[in-house]
Every structure is written in structure tokens, then in C-alpha cells.
């Protein structure tokens, strides 16, 4: 079964934070910030989140999920 893309950056960040994945302190701080901040992510933030999701074999953000 293929996992569905995350609908927004908050749900993706929470999945990474709560999933028991090995994260650096910096990555944890970043994920905590985007989990609570509803404003759109910058291009750099979206790239970093995408890399973290890919590295941990999680589905990507849905199109428009970075907003």
C-alpha cells in the first residue's frame, strides 16, 4: 500500500517528531517551529523538510502542502 502525501507541513513535521526518527537538535528545532507556525514555509524550509521526509522514508508533501 502506498502512503498518501502529507496534506500540510504541520502534519509532516509532527510525523517526523513523533515517529522516533534520529534527528539532529537543529532538525528538531526546525520541525517544532514549522509544526506550530501556520505561515507558509520559505523555499529553503520546504527543501529541508522534503529532504528529512525522504531520508526517513516518509511520503512527500502534497502539492500545495507547503502553504
PDB file of N, CA and C in Angstrom:
ATOM      1  N   UNK A   1       0.841  -1.180   0.000  1.00  0.00           N
ATOM      2  CA  UNK A   1       0.000   0.000   0.000  1.00  0.00           C
ATOM      3  C   UNK A   1       0.884   1.241   0.000  1.00  0.00           C
ATOM      4  N   UNK A   2       0.593   2.173  -0.873  1.00  0.00           N
ATOM      5  CA  UNK A   2       1.342   3.415  -0.959  1.00  0.00           C
ATOM      6  C   UNK A   2       0.769   4.421   0.021  1.00  0.00           C
ATOM      7  N   UNK A   3       1.651   5.035   0.789  1.00  0.00           N
ATOM      8  CA  UNK A   3       1.199   6.041   1.743  1.00  0.00           C
ATOM      9  C   UNK A   3       0.849   7.323   1.011  1.00  0.00           C
ATOM     10  N   UNK A   4      -0.162   7.996   1.514  1.00  0.00           N
ATOM     11  CA  UNK A   4      -0.617   9.249   0.921  1.00  0.00           C
ATOM     12  C   UNK A   4       0.332  10.381   1.303  1.00  0.00           C
ATOM     13  N   UNK A   5       0.516  11.361   0.418  1.00  0.00           N
ATOM     14  CA  UNK A   5       1.348  12.517   0.761  1.00  0.00           C
ATOM     15  C   UNK A   5       0.746  13.277   1.946  1.00  0.00           C
ATOM     16  N   UNK A   6       1.610  13.948   2.695  1.00  0.00           N
ATOM     17  CA  UNK A   6       1.131  14.772   3.798  1.00  0.00           C
ATOM     18  C   UNK A   6       0.379  15.972   3.252  1.00  0.00           C
ATOM     19  N   UNK A   7      -0.753  16.303   3.872  1.00  0.00           N
ATOM     20  CA  UNK A   7      -1.596  17.399   3.389  1.00  0.00           C
ATOM     21  C   UNK A   7      -1.015  18.773   3.701  1.00  0.00           C
ATOM     22  N   UNK A   8      -0.201  18.866   4.763  1.00  0.00           N
ATOM     23  CA  UNK A   8       0.397  20.157   5.116  1.00  0.00           C
ATOM     24  C   UNK A   8       1.712  19.936   5.850  1.00  0.00           C
ATOM     25  N   UNK A   9       2.463  21.025   5.980  1.00  0.00           N
ATOM     26  CA  UNK A   9       3.782  20.891   6.604  1.00  0.00           C
ATOM     27  C   UNK A   9       3.683  20.560   8.085  1.00  0.00           C
ATOM     28  N   UNK A  10       2.598  20.948   8.744  1.00  0.00           N
ATOM     29  CA  UNK A  10       2.429  20.645  10.165  1.00  0.00           C
ATOM     30  C   UNK A  10       2.336  19.132  10.385  1.00  0.00           C
ATOM     31  N   UNK A  11       1.524  18.465   9.597  1.00  0.00           N
ATOM     32  CA  UNK A  11       1.373  17.018   9.775  1.00  0.00           C
ATOM     33  C   UNK A  11       2.670  16.276   9.435  1.00  0.00           C
ATOM     34  N   UNK A  12       3.405  16.763   8.458  1.00  0.00           N
ATOM     35  CA  UNK A  12       4.690  16.147   8.111  1.00  0.00           C
ATOM     36  C   UNK A  12       5.697  16.331   9.243  1.00  0.00           C
ATOM     37  N   UNK A  13       5.755  17.530   9.801  1.00  0.00           N
ATOM     38  CA  UNK A  13       6.680  17.809  10.899  1.00  0.00           C
ATOM     39  C   UNK A  13       6.338  16.964  12.120  1.00  0.00           C
ATOM     40  N   UNK A  14       5.072  16.854  12.447  1.00  0.00           N
ATOM     41  CA  UNK A  14       4.668  16.061  13.608  1.00  0.00           C
ATOM     42  C   UNK A  14       4.969  14.577  13.403  1.00  0.00           C
ATOM     43  N   UNK A  15       4.825  14.085  12.183  1.00  0.00           N
ATOM     44  CA  UNK A  15       5.148  12.690  11.900  1.00  0.00           C
ATOM     45  C   UNK A  15       6.632  12.422  12.147  1.00  0.00           C
ATOM     46  N   UNK A  16       7.468  13.361  11.735  1.00  0.00           N
ATOM     47  CA  UNK A  16       8.902  13.206  11.962  1.00  0.00           C
ATOM     48  C   UNK A  16       9.244  13.306  13.448  1.00  0.00           C
ATOM     49  N   UNK A  17       8.627  14.246  14.138  1.00  0.00           N
ATOM     50  CA  UNK A  17       8.921  14.433  15.563  1.00  0.00           C
ATOM     51  C   UNK A  17       8.425  13.267  16.413  1.00  0.00           C
ATOM     52  N   UNK A  18       7.283  12.716  16.081  1.00  0.00           N
ATOM     53  CA  UNK A  18       6.672  11.658  16.895  1.00  0.00           C
ATOM     54  C   UNK A  18       7.027  10.244  16.442  1.00  0.00           C
ATOM     55  N   UNK A  19       7.739  10.137  15.338  1.00  0.00           N
ATOM     56  CA  UNK A  19       7.998   8.811  14.767  1.00  0.00           C
ATOM     57  C   UNK A  19       9.221   8.096  15.293  1.00  0.00           C
ATOM     58  N   UNK A  20       9.945   8.694  16.219  1.00  0.00           N
ATOM     59  CA  UNK A  20      11.127   8.028  16.751  1.00  0.00           C
ATOM     60  C   UNK A  20      12.314   8.030  15.802  1.00  0.00           C
ATOM     61  N   UNK A  21      12.337   8.943  14.854  1.00  0.00           N
ATOM     62  CA  UNK A  21      13.436   9.031  13.895  1.00  0.00           C
ATOM     63  C   UNK A  21      14.620   9.734  14.537  1.00  0.00           C
ATOM     64  N   UNK A  22      15.814   9.403  14.078  1.00  0.00           N
ATOM     65  CA  UNK A  22      17.016  10.077  14.573  1.00  0.00           C
ATOM     66  C   UNK A  22      17.113  11.433  13.890  1.00  0.00           C
ATOM     67  N   UNK A  23      17.023  12.466  14.699  1.00  0.00           N
ATOM     68  CA  UNK A  23      17.080  13.834  14.197  1.00  0.00           C
ATOM     69  C   UNK A  23      18.137  14.607  14.962  1.00  0.00           C
ATOM     70  N   UNK A  24      18.760  15.548  14.296  1.00  0.00           N
ATOM     71  CA  UNK A  24      19.683  16.426  14.994  1.00  0.00           C
ATOM     72  C   UNK A  24      18.885  17.422  15.815  1.00  0.00           C
ATOM     73  N   UNK A  25      19.545  18.061  16.746  1.00  0.00           N
ATOM     74  CA  UNK A  25      18.873  19.091  17.549  1.00  0.00           C
ATOM     75  C   UNK A  25      18.353  20.203  16.640  1.00  0.00           C
ATOM     76  N   UNK A  26      19.153  20.568  15.660  1.00  0.00           N
ATOM     77  CA  UNK A  26      18.759  21.636  14.730  1.00  0.00           C
ATOM     78  C   UNK A  26      17.516  21.228  13.936  1.00  0.00           C
ATOM     79  N   UNK A  27      17.480  19.981  13.480  1.00  0.00           N
ATOM     80  CA  UNK A  27      16.312  19.493  12.736  1.00  0.00           C
ATOM     81  C   UNK A  27      15.084  19.466  13.638  1.00  0.00           C
ATOM     82  N   UNK A  28      15.262  19.046  14.880  1.00  0.00           N
ATOM     83  CA  UNK A  28      14.149  19.028  15.826  1.00  0.00           C
ATOM     84  C   UNK A  28      13.593  20.416  16.092  1.00  0.00           C
ATOM     85  N   UNK A  29      14.480  21.393  16.233  1.00  0.00           N
ATOM     86  CA  UNK A  29      14.033  22.770  16.440  1.00  0.00           C
ATOM     87  C   UNK A  29      13.273  23.280  15.218  1.00  0.00           C
ATOM     88  N   UNK A  30      13.786  22.975  14.041  1.00  0.00           N
ATOM     89  CA  UNK A  30      13.131  23.379  12.800  1.00  0.00           C
ATOM     90  C   UNK A  30      11.739  22.757  12.699  1.00  0.00           C
ATOM     91  N   UNK A  31      11.649  21.467  12.958  1.00  0.00           N
ATOM     92  CA  UNK A  31      10.355  20.785  12.863  1.00  0.00           C
ATOM     93  C   UNK A  31       9.370  21.308  13.900  1.00  0.00           C
ATOM     94  N   UNK A  32       9.845  21.585  15.100  1.00  0.00           N
ATOM     95  CA  UNK A  32       8.984  22.164  16.125  1.00  0.00           C
ATOM     96  C   UNK A  32       8.445  23.518  15.707  1.00  0.00           C
ATOM     97  N   UNK A  33       9.297  24.311  15.091  1.00  0.00           N
ATOM     98  CA  UNK A  33       8.878  25.644  14.628  1.00  0.00           C
ATOM     99  C   UNK A  33       7.799  25.537  13.556  1.00  0.00           C
ATOM    100  N   UNK A  34       8.031  24.700  12.548  1.00  0.00           N
ATOM    101  CA  UNK A  34       7.047  24.651  11.460  1.00  0.00           C
ATOM    102  C   UNK A  34       5.773  23.919  11.873  1.00  0.00           C
ATOM    103  N   UNK A  35       5.856  23.100  12.927  1.00  0.00           N
ATOM    104  CA  UNK A  35       4.656  22.412  13.407  1.00  0.00           C
ATOM    105  C   UNK A  35       3.666  23.388  14.032  1.00  0.00           C
ATOM    106  N   UNK A  36       4.163  24.464  14.626  1.00  0.00           N
ATOM    107  CA  UNK A  36       3.276  25.406  15.314  1.00  0.00           C
ATOM    108  C   UNK A  36       3.051  26.709  14.553  1.00  0.00           C
ATOM    109  N   UNK A  37       3.851  26.968  13.527  1.00  0.00           N
ATOM    110  CA  UNK A  37       3.744  28.215  12.770  1.00  0.00           C
ATOM    111  C   UNK A  37       2.925  27.976  11.498  1.00  0.00           C
ATOM    112  N   UNK A  38       1.723  28.556  11.409  1.00  0.00           N
ATOM    113  CA  UNK A  38       0.863  28.302  10.251  1.00  0.00           C
ATOM    114  C   UNK A  38       1.267  29.064   8.978  1.00  0.00           C
ATOM    115  N   UNK A  39       2.231  29.967   9.075  1.00  0.00           N
ATOM    116  CA  UNK A  39       2.604  30.750   7.893  1.00  0.00           C
ATOM    117  C   UNK A  39       3.302  29.865   6.862  1.00  0.00           C
ATOM    118  N   UNK A  40       3.250  30.248   5.606  1.00  0.00           N
ATOM    119  CA  UNK A  40       3.889  29.450   4.556  1.00  0.00           C
ATOM    120  C   UNK A  40       5.397  29.320   4.792  1.00  0.00           C
ATOM    121  N   UNK A  41       5.942  28.193   4.399  1.00  0.00           N
ATOM    122  CA  UNK A  41       7.380  27.972   4.527  1.00  0.00           C
ATOM    123  C   UNK A  41       8.109  28.667   3.381  1.00  0.00           C
ATOM    124  N   UNK A  42       9.355  29.014   3.634  1.00  0.00           N
ATOM    125  CA  UNK A  42      10.204  29.536   2.566  1.00  0.00           C
ATOM    126  C   UNK A  42      10.615  28.369   1.670  1.00  0.00           C
ATOM    127  N   UNK A  43      11.201  28.674   0.550  1.00  0.00           N
ATOM    128  CA  UNK A  43      11.666  27.630  -0.369  1.00  0.00           C
ATOM    129  C   UNK A  43      12.726  26.761   0.308  1.00  0.00           C
ATOM    130  N   UNK A  44      13.621  27.396   1.065  1.00  0.00           N
ATOM    131  CA  UNK A  44      14.675  26.652   1.764  1.00  0.00           C
ATOM    132  C   UNK A  44      14.082  25.722   2.824  1.00  0.00           C
ATOM    133  N   UNK A  45      13.081  26.196   3.552  1.00  0.00           N
ATOM    134  CA  UNK A  45      12.436  25.357   4.557  1.00  0.00           C
ATOM    135  C   UNK A  45      11.738  24.167   3.904  1.00  0.00           C
ATOM    136  N   UNK A  46      11.052  24.424   2.796  1.00  0.00           N
ATOM    137  CA  UNK A  46      10.351  23.348   2.088  1.00  0.00           C
ATOM    138  C   UNK A  46      11.341  22.296   1.588  1.00  0.00           C
ATOM    139  N   UNK A  47      12.502  22.740   1.117  1.00  0.00           N
ATOM    140  CA  UNK A  47      13.528  21.796   0.652  1.00  0.00           C
ATOM    141  C   UNK A  47      14.046  20.949   1.806  1.00  0.00           C
ATOM    142  N   UNK A  48      14.289  21.594   2.942  1.00  0.00           N
ATOM    143  CA  UNK A  48      14.814  20.860   4.097  1.00  0.00           C
ATOM    144  C   UNK A  48      13.791  19.832   4.585  1.00  0.00           C
ATOM    145  N   UNK A  49      12.543  20.236   4.674  1.00  0.00           N
ATOM    146  CA  UNK A  49      11.501  19.298   5.100  1.00  0.00           C
ATOM    147  C   UNK A  49      11.411  18.135   4.123  1.00  0.00           C
ATOM    148  N   UNK A  50      11.471  18.429   2.846  1.00  0.00           N
ATOM    149  CA  UNK A  50      11.414  17.388   1.826  1.00  0.00           C
ATOM    150  C   UNK A  50      12.566  16.391   1.993  1.00  0.00           C
ATOM    151  N   UNK A  51      13.761  16.893   2.268  1.00  0.00           N
ATOM    152  CA  UNK A  51      14.923  16.023   2.466  1.00  0.00           C
ATOM    153  C   UNK A  51      14.761  15.162   3.712  1.00  0.00           C
ATOM    154  N   UNK A  52      14.236  15.742   4.782  1.00  0.00           N
ATOM    155  CA  UNK A  52      14.021  14.969   6.005  1.00  0.00           C
ATOM    156  C   UNK A  52      12.990  13.861   5.788  1.00  0.00           C
ATOM    157  N   UNK A  53      11.922  14.169   5.067  1.00  0.00           N
ATOM    158  CA  UNK A  53      10.900  13.160   4.772  1.00  0.00           C
ATOM    159  C   UNK A  53      11.490  12.026   3.932  1.00  0.00           C
ATOM    160  N   UNK A  54      12.236  12.386   2.910  1.00  0.00           N
ATOM    161  CA  UNK A  54      12.830  11.392   2.022  1.00  0.00           C
ATOM    162  C   UNK A  54      13.840  10.525   2.776  1.00  0.00           C
ATOM    163  N   UNK A  55      14.687  11.158   3.584  1.00  0.00           N
ATOM    164  CA  UNK A  55      15.715  10.441   4.344  1.00  0.00           C
ATOM    165  C   UNK A  55      15.097   9.404   5.274  1.00  0.00           C
ATOM    166  N   UNK A  56      13.917   9.687   5.783  1.00  0.00           N
ATOM    167  CA  UNK A  56      13.263   8.798   6.736  1.00  0.00           C
ATOM    168  C   UNK A  56      12.163   7.949   6.097  1.00  0.00           C
ATOM    169  N   UNK A  57      12.179   7.864   4.766  1.00  0.00           N
ATOM    170  CA  UNK A  57      11.256   7.014   4.004  1.00  0.00           C
ATOM    171  C   UNK A  57       9.789   7.324   4.289  1.00  0.00           C
ATOM    172  N   UNK A  58       9.485   8.608   4.427  1.00  0.00           N
ATOM    173  CA  UNK A  58       8.104   9.047   4.618  1.00  0.00           C
ATOM    174  C   UNK A  58       7.594   9.646   3.316  1.00  0.00           C
ATOM    175  N   UNK A  59       6.277   9.690   3.144  1.00  0.00           N
ATOM    176  CA  UNK A  59       5.733  10.272   1.917  1.00  0.00           C
ATOM    177  C   UNK A  59       6.041  11.770   1.842  1.00  0.00           C
ATOM    178  N   UNK A  60       6.023  12.317   0.649  1.00  0.00           N
ATOM    179  CA  UNK A  60       6.296  13.751   0.474  1.00  0.00           C
ATOM    180  C   UNK A  60       5.085  14.601   0.870  1.00  0.00           C
ATOM    181  N   UNK A  61       5.262  15.904   0.807  1.00  0.00           N
ATOM    182  CA  UNK A  61       4.138  16.821   0.972  1.00  0.00           C
ATOM    183  C   UNK A  61       3.286  16.778  -0.291  1.00  0.00           C
ATOM    184  N   UNK A  62       1.988  16.917  -0.123  1.00  0.00           N
ATOM    185  CA  UNK A  62       1.100  17.022  -1.280  1.00  0.00           C
ATOM    186  C   UNK A  62       1.380  18.357  -1.970  1.00  0.00           C
ATOM    187  N   UNK A  63       1.047  18.460  -3.215  1.00  0.00           N
ATOM    188  CA  UNK A  63       1.199  19.729  -3.920  1.00  0.00           C
ATOM    189  C   UNK A  63       0.412  20.794  -3.182  1.00  0.00           C
ATOM    190  N   UNK A  64       1.050  21.900  -2.898  1.00  0.00           N
ATOM    191  CA  UNK A  64       0.396  22.966  -2.135  1.00  0.00           C
ATOM    192  C   UNK A  64       0.450  22.752  -0.636  1.00  0.00           C
ATOM    193  N   UNK A  65       1.077  21.676  -0.172  1.00  0.00           N
ATOM    194  CA  UNK A  65       1.131  21.382   1.250  1.00  0.00           C
ATOM    195  C   UNK A  65       2.088  22.259   2.028  1.00  0.00           C
ATOM    196  N   UNK A  66       2.941  22.989   1.316  1.00  0.00           N
ATOM    197  CA  UNK A  66       3.903  23.861   1.991  1.00  0.00           C
ATOM    198  C   UNK A  66       3.289  25.191   2.383  1.00  0.00           C
ATOM    199  N   UNK A  67       2.060  25.407   2.008  1.00  0.00           N
ATOM    200  CA  UNK A  67       1.414  26.697   2.295  1.00  0.00           C
ATOM    201  C   UNK A  67       0.675  26.672   3.598  1.00  0.00           C
TER     202      UNK A  67
END
